[in-house]
C-alpha atoms as a PDB file:
ATOM      1  CA  MET A   1     -20.557 -12.146  16.742  1.00  0.00           C
ATOM      2  CA  ASN A   2     -21.609  -9.423  14.177  1.00  0.00           C
ATOM      3  CA  ILE A   3     -18.954  -7.529  13.007  1.00  0.00           C
ATOM      4  CA  LYS A   4     -19.526  -4.315  10.914  1.00  0.00           C
ATOM      5  CA  THR A   5     -17.293  -4.024   8.106  1.00  0.00           C
ATOM      6  CA  ALA A   6     -16.292  -1.118   5.405  1.00  0.00           C
ATOM      7  CA  TRP A   7     -14.200  -1.024   2.195  1.00  0.00           C
ATOM      8  CA  VAL A   8     -11.902   2.088   1.981  1.00  0.00           C
ATOM      9  CA  VAL A   9     -11.136   2.941  -1.676  1.00  0.00           C
ATOM     10  CA  PRO A  10      -8.515   6.143  -2.257  1.00  0.00           C
ATOM     11  CA  THR A  11      -8.701   6.863  -6.135  1.00  0.00           C
ATOM     12  CA  LEU A  12      -7.253   9.201  -8.513  1.00  0.00           C
ATOM     13  CA  ASN A  13      -8.001   9.434 -12.195  1.00  0.00           C
ATOM     14  CA  ARG A  14      -8.959   5.727 -12.409  1.00  0.00           C
ATOM     15  CA  PRO A  15     -12.658   5.397 -13.287  1.00  0.00           C
ATOM     16  CA  LYS A  16     -12.109   2.009 -15.372  1.00  0.00           C
ATOM     17  CA  ASP A  17     -10.356   0.668 -12.228  1.00  0.00           C
ATOM     18  CA  ILE A  18     -13.438   1.769  -9.754  1.00  0.00           C
ATOM     19  CA  GLU A  19     -15.776   0.176 -12.355  1.00  0.00           C
ATOM     20  CA  ARG A  20     -14.060  -3.071 -12.189  1.00  0.00           C
ATOM     21  CA  LEU A  21     -13.675  -3.126  -8.298  1.00  0.00           C
ATOM     22  CA  PHE A  22     -17.340  -2.418  -8.147  1.00  0.00           C
ATOM     23  CA  ASN A  23     -18.185  -5.249 -10.476  1.00  0.00           C
ATOM     24  CA  SER A  24     -16.382  -7.461  -8.203  1.00  0.00           C
ATOM     25  CA  TYR A  25     -18.216  -6.062  -5.079  1.00  0.00           C
ATOM     26  CA  LEU A  26     -21.667  -7.313  -6.763  1.00  0.00           C
ATOM     27  CA  LYS A  27     -20.257 -10.719  -7.137  1.00  0.00           C
ATOM     28  CA  GLN A  28     -19.365 -11.034  -3.413  1.00  0.00           C
ATOM     29  CA  THR A  29     -21.295 -13.525  -1.531  1.00  0.00           C
ATOM     30  CA  VAL A  30     -21.044 -11.585   1.556  1.00  0.00           C
ATOM     31  CA  LYS A  31     -20.770  -7.814   1.193  1.00  0.00           C
ATOM     32  CA  PRO A  32     -19.582  -4.872   3.585  1.00  0.00           C
ATOM     33  CA  ASP A  33     -21.862  -2.608   5.540  1.00  0.00           C
ATOM     34  CA  LYS A  34     -20.339   0.396   3.759  1.00  0.00           C
ATOM     35  CA  VAL A  35     -18.097   0.935   0.583  1.00  0.00           C
ATOM     36  CA  ILE A  36     -16.229   4.434   1.096  1.00  0.00           C
ATOM     37  CA  VAL A  37     -14.664   5.966  -2.002  1.00  0.00           C
ATOM     38  CA  ILE A  38     -12.400   9.093  -1.701  1.00  0.00           C
ATOM     39  CA  ASP A  39     -11.854  10.522  -4.948  1.00  0.00           C
ATOM     40  CA  GLY A  40      -8.920  13.109  -5.914  1.00  0.00           C
ATOM     41  CA  SER A  41      -9.865  13.252  -9.598  1.00  0.00           C
ATOM     42  CA  LYS A  42      -9.878  16.413 -11.419  1.00  0.00           C
ATOM     43  CA  ASP A  43     -12.697  15.288 -13.610  1.00  0.00           C
ATOM     44  CA  GLU A  44     -16.099  13.806 -12.796  1.00  0.00           C
ATOM     45  CA  GLU A  45     -15.765  10.366 -14.515  1.00  0.00           C
ATOM     46  CA  THR A  46     -15.131   8.612 -11.183  1.00  0.00           C
ATOM     47  CA  LYS A  47     -18.239  10.348  -9.651  1.00  0.00           C
ATOM     48  CA  MET A  48     -20.397   9.339 -12.550  1.00  0.00           C
ATOM     49  CA  VAL A  49     -18.987   5.593 -12.148  1.00  0.00           C
ATOM     50  CA  CYS A  50     -20.235   5.697  -8.369  1.00  0.00           C
ATOM     51  CA  GLU A  51     -23.612   7.321  -9.358  1.00  0.00           C
ATOM     52  CA  LYS A  52     -24.102   4.461 -12.169  1.00  0.00           C
ATOM     53  CA  PHE A  53     -23.516   1.804  -9.307  1.00  0.00           C
ATOM     54  CA  GLN A  54     -25.269   3.560  -6.524  1.00  0.00           C
ATOM     55  CA  ALA A  55     -28.650   1.771  -7.094  1.00  0.00           C
ATOM     56  CA  GLN A  56     -26.886  -1.575  -6.765  1.00  0.00           C
ATOM     57  CA  ILE A  57     -24.442  -0.590  -3.956  1.00  0.00           C
ATOM     58  CA  LYS A  58     -26.803   1.386  -1.556  1.00  0.00           C
ATOM     59  CA  ASN A  59     -24.069   1.796   1.159  1.00  0.00           C
ATOM     60  CA  LEU A  60     -21.786   3.512  -1.445  1.00  0.00           C
ATOM     61  CA  ILE A  61     -20.335   6.799   0.072  1.00  0.00           C
ATOM     62  CA  TYR A  62     -18.604   9.218  -2.309  1.00  0.00           C
ATOM     63  CA  GLU A  63     -16.460  12.044  -1.427  1.00  0.00           C
ATOM     64  CA  HIS A  64     -14.459  14.484  -3.553  1.00  0.00           C
ATOM     65  CA  THR A  65     -11.358  15.855  -2.239  1.00  0.00           C
ATOM     66  CA  THR A  66      -8.646  18.409  -3.530  1.00  0.00           C
ATOM     67  CA  LYS A  67      -6.376  16.822  -0.589  1.00  0.00           C
ATOM     68  CA  LEU A  68      -4.472  14.437  -2.484  1.00  0.00           C
ATOM     69  CA  GLY A  69      -2.012  11.393  -1.464  1.00  0.00           C
ATOM     70  CA  SER A  70      -3.424   7.729  -0.698  1.00  0.00           C
ATOM     71  CA  VAL A  71      -2.544   8.376   2.845  1.00  0.00           C
ATOM     72  CA  THR A  72      -4.305  11.456   3.259  1.00  0.00           C
ATOM     73  CA  GLN A  73      -7.486  10.019   1.333  1.00  0.00           C
ATOM     74  CA  ARG A  74      -7.523   7.138   3.324  1.00  0.00           C
ATOM     75  CA  LEU A  75      -7.491   9.488   6.612  1.00  0.00           C
ATOM     76  CA  LEU A  76     -10.456  11.549   5.147  1.00  0.00           C
ATOM     77  CA  ALA A  77     -12.464   8.084   5.233  1.00  0.00           C
ATOM     78  CA  PHE A  78     -11.911   7.819   8.919  1.00  0.00           C
ATOM     79  CA  LYS A  79     -14.970  10.057   9.535  1.00  0.00           C
ATOM     80  CA  TYR A  80     -17.277   7.426   8.097  1.00  0.00           C
ATOM     81  CA  LEU A  81     -15.670   4.474  10.259  1.00  0.00           C
ATOM     82  CA  LYS A  82     -16.999   5.495  13.702  1.00  0.00           C
ATOM     83  CA  ASP A  83     -19.387   2.578  13.705  1.00  0.00           C
ATOM     84  CA  ILE A  84     -17.332   0.023  11.890  1.00  0.00           C
ATOM     85  CA  ASP A  85     -15.335  -2.863  13.340  1.00  0.00           C
ATOM     86  CA  TYR A  86     -13.069  -3.807  10.436  1.00  0.00           C
ATOM     87  CA  ALA A  87     -12.010  -1.921   7.191  1.00  0.00           C
ATOM     88  CA  LEU A  88     -10.631  -3.555   4.160  1.00  0.00           C
ATOM     89  CA  PHE A  89      -8.315  -0.879   2.587  1.00  0.00           C
ATOM     90  CA  LEU A  90      -8.055  -1.527  -1.125  1.00  0.00           C
ATOM     91  CA  ASP A  91      -6.321   0.187  -3.985  1.00  0.00           C
ATOM     92  CA  ASP A  92      -8.580   1.345  -6.611  1.00  0.00           C
ATOM     93  CA  ASP A  93      -7.027  -1.227  -9.242  1.00  0.00           C
ATOM     94  CA  PHE A  94      -7.740  -4.275  -6.985  1.00  0.00           C
ATOM     95  CA  GLU A  95     -10.172  -6.955  -8.096  1.00  0.00           C
ATOM     96  CA  LEU A  96     -11.643  -9.503  -5.563  1.00  0.00           C
ATOM     97  CA  ASN A  97     -12.612 -13.063  -6.289  1.00  0.00           C
ATOM     98  CA  ASP A  98     -16.262 -13.915  -5.882  1.00  0.00           C
ATOM     99  CA  ASN A  99     -16.387 -15.262  -2.139  1.00  0.00           C
ATOM    100  CA  ALA A 100     -12.922 -13.251  -1.126  1.00  0.00           C
ATOM    101  CA  PHE A 101     -14.619 -11.117   1.471  1.00  0.00           C
ATOM    102  CA  GLU A 102     -16.841 -13.960   2.993  1.00  0.00           C
ATOM    103  CA  ILE A 103     -13.680 -16.024   3.540  1.00  0.00           C
ATOM    104  CA  LEU A 104     -11.795 -13.126   5.148  1.00  0.00           C
ATOM    105  CA  LEU A 105     -14.771 -12.445   7.351  1.00  0.00           C
ATOM    106  CA  GLY A 106     -14.980 -15.873   8.408  1.00  0.00           C
ATOM    107  CA  LYS A 107     -11.401 -16.190   9.360  1.00  0.00           C
ATOM    108  CA  ILE A 108     -11.356 -12.969  11.462  1.00  0.00           C
ATOM    109  CA  ARG A 109     -14.093 -14.388  13.576  1.00  0.00           C
ATOM    110  CA  THR A 110     -12.006 -17.269  14.543  1.00  0.00           C
ATOM    111  CA  LEU A 111      -8.741 -15.258  15.529  1.00  0.00           C
ATOM    112  CA  PRO A 112      -7.540 -13.373  18.423  1.00  0.00           C
ATOM    113  CA  PRO A 113      -8.546  -9.645  18.750  1.00  0.00           C
ATOM    114  CA  LYS A 114      -5.016  -8.382  17.778  1.00  0.00           C
ATOM    115  CA  THR A 115      -4.972  -9.805  14.430  1.00  0.00           C
ATOM    116  CA  CYS A 116      -4.946  -8.365  10.989  1.00  0.00           C
ATOM    117  CA  LEU A 117      -5.345  -9.946   7.629  1.00  0.00           C
ATOM    118  CA  GLU A 118      -4.601  -9.441   4.032  1.00  0.00           C
ATOM    119  CA  LEU A 119      -5.809 -11.057   0.771  1.00  0.00           C
ATOM    120  CA  ASN A 120      -4.000 -13.344  -1.272  1.00  0.00           C
ATOM    121  CA  PHE A 121      -3.336 -11.871  -4.725  1.00  0.00           C
ATOM    122  CA  LYS A 122      -1.561 -12.257  -7.887  1.00  0.00           C
ATOM    123  CA  THR A 123      -0.124  -9.065  -9.739  1.00  0.00           C
ATOM    124  CA  ILE A 124      -0.767  -8.145 -13.367  1.00  0.00           C
ATOM    125  CA  SER A 125       1.776  -5.537 -14.082  1.00  0.00           C
ATOM    126  CA  TYR A 126       1.652  -2.847 -16.818  1.00  0.00           C
ATOM    127  CA  GLY A 127       4.811  -1.302 -15.974  1.00  0.00           C
ATOM    128  CA  SER A 128       7.626   0.105 -18.060  1.00  0.00           C
ATOM    129  CA  GLU A 129      10.653  -1.680 -19.074  1.00  0.00           C
ATOM    130  CA  ILE A 130      12.791  -0.130 -16.556  1.00  0.00           C
ATOM    131  CA  GLN A 131      10.425  -1.589 -13.774  1.00  0.00           C
ATOM    132  CA  LYS A 132      10.579  -4.947 -15.372  1.00  0.00           C
ATOM    133  CA  LEU A 133      14.364  -4.710 -15.270  1.00  0.00           C
ATOM    134  CA  GLY A 134      14.286  -3.742 -11.587  1.00  0.00           C
ATOM    135  CA  SER A 135      12.201  -7.161 -10.816  1.00  0.00           C
ATOM    136  CA  SER A 136      14.766  -9.422 -12.783  1.00  0.00           C
ATOM    137  CA  LYS A 137      16.601 -12.055 -10.934  1.00  0.00           C
ATOM    138  CA  PHE A 138      20.006 -10.319 -11.111  1.00  0.00           C
ATOM    139  CA  PHE A 139      18.671  -7.036  -9.426  1.00  0.00           C
ATOM    140  CA  ASN A 140      16.911  -9.189  -7.019  1.00  0.00           C
ATOM    141  CA  PHE A 141      19.978 -10.761  -5.852  1.00  0.00           C
ATOM    142  CA  PHE A 142      21.628  -7.347  -5.819  1.00  0.00           C
ATOM    143  CA  LYS A 143      18.809  -5.727  -3.635  1.00  0.00           C
ATOM    144  CA  LYS A 144      19.296  -8.726  -1.238  1.00  0.00           C
ATOM    145  CA  ILE A 145      22.847  -8.014  -0.725  1.00  0.00           C
ATOM    146  CA  PHE A 146      22.502  -4.313   0.098  1.00  0.00           C
ATOM    147  CA  PHE A 147      19.169  -4.841   2.085  1.00  0.00           C
ATOM    148  CA  LEU A 148      17.058  -2.913  -0.358  1.00  0.00           C
ATOM    149  CA  PRO A 149      13.270  -4.246  -0.659  1.00  0.00           C
ATOM    150  CA  HIS A 150      13.375  -7.455  -2.897  1.00  0.00           C
ATOM    151  CA  GLU A 151      11.437 -10.723  -3.470  1.00  0.00           C
ATOM    152  CA  SER A 152      11.938 -13.405  -1.231  1.00  0.00           C
ATOM    153  CA  THR A 153      10.212 -16.699   0.083  1.00  0.00           C
ATOM    154  CA  GLU A 154       9.039 -14.855   3.151  1.00  0.00           C
ATOM    155  CA  LYS A 155       7.412 -11.443   3.615  1.00  0.00           C
ATOM    156  CA  LYS A 156       9.150  -9.374   6.264  1.00  0.00           C
ATOM    157  CA  VAL A 157      10.634  -6.037   7.389  1.00  0.00           C
ATOM    158  CA  LEU A 158      14.647  -5.686   6.908  1.00  0.00           C
ATOM    159  CA  PRO A 159      16.749  -3.930   9.552  1.00  0.00           C
ATOM    160  CA  SER A 160      17.716  -1.393   7.033  1.00  0.00           C
ATOM    161  CA  GLY A 161      13.972  -0.173   6.749  1.00  0.00           C
ATOM    162  CA  GLY A 162      13.553  -1.934   3.566  1.00  0.00           C
ATOM    163  CA  ASN A 163      11.079  -5.114   3.037  1.00  0.00           C
ATOM    164  CA  THR A 164      10.861  -8.404   1.165  1.00  0.00           C
ATOM    165  CA  TRP A 165       7.733  -9.652  -0.530  1.00  0.00           C
ATOM    166  CA  LEU A 166       6.423 -12.814  -1.881  1.00  0.00           C
ATOM    167  CA  ASN A 167       6.275 -13.651  -5.722  1.00  0.00           C
ATOM    168  CA  GLU A 168       3.529 -11.709  -6.758  1.00  0.00           C
ATOM    169  CA  TYR A 169       3.155 -13.044 -10.292  1.00  0.00           C
ATOM    170  CA  GLU A 170       1.869 -16.565  -9.148  1.00  0.00           C
ATOM    171  CA  LEU A 171      -1.165 -17.350  -7.144  1.00  0.00           C
ATOM    172  CA  ILE A 172      -1.086 -20.357  -4.878  1.00  0.00           C
ATOM    173  CA  VAL A 173      -4.724 -20.612  -3.433  1.00  0.00           C
ATOM    174  CA  LYS A 174      -4.877 -23.219  -0.413  1.00  0.00           C
ATOM    175  CA  ASP A 175      -7.063 -23.267   2.721  1.00  0.00           C
ATOM    176  CA  GLU A 176      -4.422 -21.961   5.253  1.00  0.00           C
ATOM    177  CA  LEU A 177      -3.153 -18.706   7.146  1.00  0.00           C
ATOM    178  CA  LYS A 178       0.313 -17.604   6.091  1.00  0.00           C
ATOM    179  CA  LYS A 179       2.171 -15.521   8.691  1.00  0.00           C
ATOM    180  CA  VAL A 180       3.730 -12.369   7.290  1.00  0.00           C
ATOM    181  CA  GLY A 181       5.685  -9.626   8.754  1.00  0.00           C
ATOM    182  CA  TRP A 182       3.798  -6.771   7.138  1.00  0.00           C
ATOM    183  CA  LEU A 183       0.601  -6.156   5.383  1.00  0.00           C
ATOM    184  CA  SER A 184       0.214  -5.019   1.543  1.00  0.00           C
ATOM    185  CA  GLY A 185      -1.564  -1.884   1.250  1.00  0.00           C
ATOM    186  CA  CYS A 186      -3.735  -2.829  -1.713  1.00  0.00           C
ATOM    187  CA  CYS A 187      -5.788  -5.206   0.236  1.00  0.00           C
ATOM    188  CA  MET A 188      -5.427  -5.038   4.118  1.00  0.00           C
ATOM    189  CA  PHE A 189      -8.244  -5.932   6.538  1.00  0.00           C
ATOM    190  CA  LEU A 190      -7.492  -4.106   9.702  1.00  0.00           C
ATOM    191  CA  PRO A 191      -9.439  -3.442  13.137  1.00  0.00           C
ATOM    192  CA  VAL A 192     -10.688   0.325  12.969  1.00  0.00           C
ATOM    193  CA  LYS A 193     -10.516   1.198  16.702  1.00  0.00           C
ATOM    194  CA  PRO A 194      -6.817   1.397  17.212  1.00  0.00           C
ATOM    195  CA  LEU A 195      -6.784   3.542  13.902  1.00  0.00           C
ATOM    196  CA  LEU A 196      -9.377   5.840  14.902  1.00  0.00           C
ATOM    197  CA  GLU A 197      -7.451   6.484  18.566  1.00  0.00           C
ATOM    198  CA  LYS A 198      -4.245   7.158  16.773  1.00  0.00           C
ATOM    199  CA  PRO A 199      -4.422   8.063  13.071  1.00  0.00           C
ATOM    200  CA  ASP A 200      -1.411   9.835  12.513  1.00  0.00           C
ATOM    201  CA  TYR A 201       0.760   6.975  14.539  1.00  0.00           C
ATOM    202  CA  PHE A 202      -0.280   4.494  11.973  1.00  0.00           C
ATOM    203  CA  PHE A 203      -0.921   6.675   8.682  1.00  0.00           C
ATOM    204  CA  ASN A 204       2.321   8.816   8.166  1.00  0.00           C
ATOM    205  CA  GLU A 205       1.572  11.582   5.480  1.00  0.00           C
ATOM    206  CA  ASP A 206       5.183  12.221   5.023  1.00  0.00           C
ATOM    207  CA  MET A 207       5.445   8.867   3.212  1.00  0.00           C
ATOM    208  CA  GLN A 208       3.662  10.554   0.337  1.00  0.00           C
ATOM    209  CA  ARG A 209       6.156  13.534   0.244  1.00  0.00           C
ATOM    210  CA  PHE A 210       6.946  12.933  -3.520  1.00  0.00           C
ATOM    211  CA  SER A 211       3.822  13.454  -5.890  1.00  0.00           C
ATOM    212  CA  GLY A 212       1.271  11.730  -3.258  1.00  0.00           C
ATOM    213  CA  TYR A 213       2.598   8.370  -4.225  1.00  0.00           C
ATOM    214  CA  ALA A 214       3.034   6.656  -0.640  1.00  0.00           C
ATOM    215  CA  LEU A 215       5.595   4.082  -1.571  1.00  0.00           C
ATOM    216  CA  GLY A 216       6.000   1.879   1.669  1.00  0.00           C
ATOM    217  CA  GLU A 217       3.228   3.319   3.735  1.00  0.00           C
ATOM    218  CA  ASP A 218       1.767  -0.067   4.183  1.00  0.00           C
ATOM    219  CA  VAL A 219       5.281  -1.386   5.832  1.00  0.00           C
ATOM    220  CA  TYR A 220       5.277   1.760   8.136  1.00  0.00           C
ATOM    221  CA  LEU A 221       1.760   1.046   9.246  1.00  0.00           C
ATOM    222  CA  SER A 222       2.594  -2.442   9.999  1.00  0.00           C
ATOM    223  CA  VAL A 223       5.708  -1.712  12.031  1.00  0.00           C
ATOM    224  CA  GLN A 224       3.579   0.582  13.998  1.00  0.00           C
ATOM    225  CA  LEU A 225       0.744  -2.177  14.642  1.00  0.00           C
ATOM    226  CA  ALA A 226       3.467  -4.898  15.500  1.00  0.00           C
ATOM    227  CA  LYS A 227       4.728  -2.698  18.398  1.00  0.00           C
ATOM    228  CA  GLU A 228       0.987  -2.662  19.515  1.00  0.00           C
ATOM    229  CA  GLY A 229       1.143  -6.343  19.576  1.00  0.00           C
ATOM    230  CA  TYR A 230      -0.786  -7.087  16.237  1.00  0.00           C
ATOM    231  CA  LYS A 231      -0.070 -10.293  14.397  1.00  0.00           C
ATOM    232  CA  PHE A 232      -0.509 -10.425  10.628  1.00  0.00           C
ATOM    233  CA  TYR A 233      -1.780 -13.344   8.253  1.00  0.00           C
ATOM    234  CA  ARG A 234      -2.373 -13.712   4.470  1.00  0.00           C
ATOM    235  CA  VAL A 235      -5.678 -15.602   3.898  1.00  0.00           C
ATOM    236  CA  MET A 236      -4.351 -17.968   0.810  1.00  0.00           C
ATOM    237  CA  ASN A 237      -7.734 -18.963  -0.192  1.00  0.00           C
ATOM    238  CA  ALA A 238      -9.311 -15.764  -0.099  1.00  0.00           C
ATOM    239  CA  TRP A 239      -7.639 -13.745  -3.049  1.00  0.00           C
ATOM    240  CA  GLY A 240      -7.889 -11.222  -5.821  1.00  0.00           C
ATOM    241  CA  ILE A 241      -6.078  -9.472  -8.785  1.00  0.00           C
ATOM    242  CA  HIS A 242      -3.887  -6.446  -8.565  1.00  0.00           C
ATOM    243  CA  HIS A 243      -3.912  -4.740 -11.809  1.00  0.00           C
ATOM    244  CA  LYS A 244      -0.870  -2.639 -11.172  1.00  0.00           C
ATOM    245  CA  ALA A 245      -0.841   0.242 -13.961  1.00  0.00           C
ATOM    246  CA  PRO A 246       2.036   2.525 -14.595  1.00  0.00           C
ATOM    247  CA  SER A 247       0.113   5.355 -13.886  1.00  0.00           C
ATOM    248  CA  ALA A 248       0.061   4.656 -10.413  1.00  0.00           C
ATOM    249  CA  ARG A 249       3.956   5.511  -9.804  1.00  0.00           C
ATOM    250  CA  PRO A 250       5.801   8.873 -10.454  1.00  0.00           C
ATOM    251  CA  ASP A 251       8.563   9.604 -12.767  1.00  0.00           C
ATOM    252  CA  LEU A 252      11.972   7.791 -11.839  1.00  0.00           C
ATOM    253  CA  GLU A 253      13.452  10.921 -10.026  1.00  0.00           C
ATOM    254  CA  LYS A 254      10.434  11.036  -7.769  1.00  0.00           C
ATOM    255  CA  LEU A 255      10.252   7.197  -7.430  1.00  0.00           C
ATOM    256  CA  MET A 256      13.960   7.144  -6.361  1.00  0.00           C
ATOM    257  CA  ALA A 257      13.542   9.879  -3.970  1.00  0.00           C
ATOM    258  CA  ALA A 258      10.662   8.402  -2.485  1.00  0.00           C
ATOM    259  CA  LYS A 259      12.566   4.850  -1.945  1.00  0.00           C
ATOM    260  CA  VAL A 260      15.287   6.586   0.068  1.00  0.00           C
ATOM    261  CA  PHE A 261      13.252   9.003   2.006  1.00  0.00           C
ATOM    262  CA  ASN A 262      10.426   6.570   2.818  1.00  0.00           C
ATOM    263  CA  GLN A 263      12.705   3.532   3.640  1.00  0.00           C
ATOM    264  CA  LYS A 264      14.395   6.144   6.361  1.00  0.00           C
ATOM    265  CA  GLN A 265      10.979   6.930   7.771  1.00  0.00           C
ATOM    266  CA  ILE A 266      10.507   3.165   8.303  1.00  0.00           C
ATOM    267  CA  PHE A 267      13.935   2.886   9.661  1.00  0.00           C
ATOM    268  CA  LYS A 268      13.414   5.457  12.300  1.00  0.00           C
ATOM    269  CA  ILE A 269      10.423   3.443  14.060  1.00  0.00           C
ATOM    270  CA  LEU A 270      12.063   0.014  13.936  1.00  0.00           C
ATOM    271  CA  LYS A 271      12.698  -1.219  17.505  1.00  0.00           C
ATOM    272  CA  ASN A 272      16.230  -2.431  17.137  1.00  0.00           C
ATOM    273  CA  LYS A 273      18.273  -0.002  14.974  1.00  0.00           C
ATOM    274  CA  ASN A 274      21.636  -0.592  13.440  1.00  0.00           C
ATOM    275  CA  HIS A 275      22.688   2.470  11.272  1.00  0.00           C
ATOM    276  CA  ILE A 276      25.132   0.374   9.376  1.00  0.00           C
ATOM    277  CA  PHE A 277      22.334  -1.604   7.569  1.00  0.00           C
ATOM    278  CA  PHE A 278      20.660   1.785   6.596  1.00  0.00           C
ATOM    279  CA  PHE A 279      24.015   2.845   5.376  1.00  0.00           C
ATOM    280  CA  ILE A 280      24.591  -0.259   3.350  1.00  0.00           C
ATOM    281  CA  SER A 281      21.017   0.327   1.707  1.00  0.00           C
ATOM    282  CA  LEU A 282      21.949   3.808   0.903  1.00  0.00           C
ATOM    283  CA  CYS A 283      25.051   2.549  -0.808  1.00  0.00           C
ATOM    284  CA  GLY A 284      22.958  -0.054  -2.658  1.00  0.00           C
ATOM    285  CA  ASN A 285      20.633   2.796  -3.895  1.00  0.00           C
ATOM    286  CA  PHE A 286      23.559   4.690  -5.420  1.00  0.00           C
ATOM    287  CA  PHE A 287      24.669   1.718  -7.517  1.00  0.00           C
ATOM    288  CA  LEU A 288      21.058   0.881  -8.579  1.00  0.00           C
ATOM    289  CA  SER A 289      20.741   4.717  -9.452  1.00  0.00           C
ATOM    290  CA  PHE A 290      23.879   4.520 -11.653  1.00  0.00           C
ATOM    291  CA  ILE A 291      22.768   1.356 -13.378  1.00  0.00           C
ATOM    292  CA  SER A 292      19.484   3.063 -13.871  1.00  0.00           C
ATOM    293  CA  CYS A 293      20.998   5.959 -15.278  1.00  0.00           C
ATOM    294  CA  LEU A 294      22.656   3.883 -17.861  1.00  0.00           C
ATOM    295  CA  PHE A 295      19.874   2.025 -19.066  1.00  0.00           C
ATOM    296  CA  THR A 296      17.437   5.207 -19.246  1.00  0.00           C
ATOM    297  CA  LYS A 297      20.311   7.601 -20.606  1.00  0.00           C
ATOM    298  CA  SER A 298      18.856  10.073 -17.870  1.00  0.00           C
ATOM    299  CA  LEU A 299      20.446  11.449 -14.605  1.00  0.00           C
ATOM    300  CA  SER A 300      16.956  11.365 -13.050  1.00  0.00           C
ATOM    301  CA  PRO A 301      17.573   8.242 -11.044  1.00  0.00           C
ATOM    302  CA  LEU A 302      20.753   9.632  -9.379  1.00  0.00           C
ATOM    303  CA  LYS A 303      19.072  12.750  -8.744  1.00  0.00           C
ATOM    304  CA  GLY A 304      16.288  11.214  -6.919  1.00  0.00           C
ATOM    305  CA  VAL A 305      18.508   9.329  -4.619  1.00  0.00           C
ATOM    306  CA  LEU A 306      20.324  12.667  -3.830  1.00  0.00           C
ATOM    307  CA  LYS A 307      16.987  14.453  -3.369  1.00  0.00           C
ATOM    308  CA  GLY A 308      15.680  11.446  -1.188  1.00  0.00           C
ATOM    309  CA  ILE A 309      18.927  11.695   1.137  1.00  0.00           C
ATOM    310  CA  TRP A 310      18.780  15.459   1.397  1.00  0.00           C
ATOM    311  CA  PHE A 311      15.178  15.390   2.569  1.00  0.00           C
ATOM    312  CA  SER A 312      15.872  12.260   4.871  1.00  0.00           C
ATOM    313  CA  PHE A 313      18.616  14.275   7.104  1.00  0.00           C
ATOM    314  CA  HIS A 314      17.096  17.794   6.689  1.00  0.00           C
ATOM    315  CA  PHE A 315      13.305  17.574   7.484  1.00  0.00           C
ATOM    316  CA  GLU A 316      11.623  15.531  10.287  1.00  0.00           C
ATOM    317  CA  LYS A 317       8.223  16.862   9.527  1.00  0.00           C
ATOM    318  CA  LEU A 318       7.402  18.430   6.474  1.00  0.00           C
ATOM    319  CA  TYR A 319       3.626  18.941   6.299  1.00  0.00           C
ATOM    320  CA  SER A 320       0.487  17.749   7.882  1.00  0.00           C
ATOM    321  CA  HIS A 321      -2.929  17.213   6.017  1.00  0.00           C
ATOM    322  CA  THR A 322      -1.809  19.515   3.194  1.00  0.00           C
ATOM    323  CA  ARG A 323      -1.510  19.437  -0.494  1.00  0.00           C
ATOM    324  CA  TYR A 324       1.844  17.756  -1.347  1.00  0.00           C
ATOM    325  CA  LYS A 325       3.985  19.522  -3.743  1.00  0.00           C
ATOM    326  CA  ASN A 326       7.770  19.787  -4.432  1.00  0.00           C
END
């Protein structure tokens, strides 16, 4: 069975990351039919990197845009996917192991049509101290109690609209498929046809309300795909490295606002809603923001939570296909 594939990479001011991703492309034993880069950078450094690799990546498509936001930039790539069967959506700071794409493609050929895959990956975090504090065992236990997003032994969507994820700082490589409850946006391999039929149903631009950083947009997409009958798996022997840089995230106020607002967007589309779980998570976010205020000696986290709550309950549709500003 001949499957036409593409890589879709939204990027913003990350030329060195794009170069690393391209170098990992060159090492792939099987390559996609297209590589699509949607660049929102103000300068031309990323464009220059693409021009540098154009001779080696002949199927490279580069587009510059002023419409910023990771969801919007992915949607802009859809016009290049009309002849594509499966697309691997990648973050610009992702790096694939040499034969990762060949393994991924081999697996999808053997699975039922309504299947989506993700790469196995390890995260190298260059985050701030407050981000490291937030990933500590104490805070993880705290988040678990309040149905907030947290690390777990399984990857699932919570009844509050939050989610759990696997340990991202260790890499266990083995030849198996691990069933997961949602797909990571940094490396998700999706069938293109349903996305083209209902793009706004799957890719919610409201998720990037705060500074264009679309926290949880992958969970939202996964919930919508699951309602359509799709199953999700992590391919444990097709792996990569996610070089998570601090520049990818907004400041604490916007980050906390996005956490609250975006979780509400996910909660609204869950099949079995129970508002008590969302209310408990709101209480947890208040406590978490208060502790963050003490640690940072700033009111930004608390202001962010209040801002997220206000937008959650006062705005249903804030914009569509526009530049996102506060």
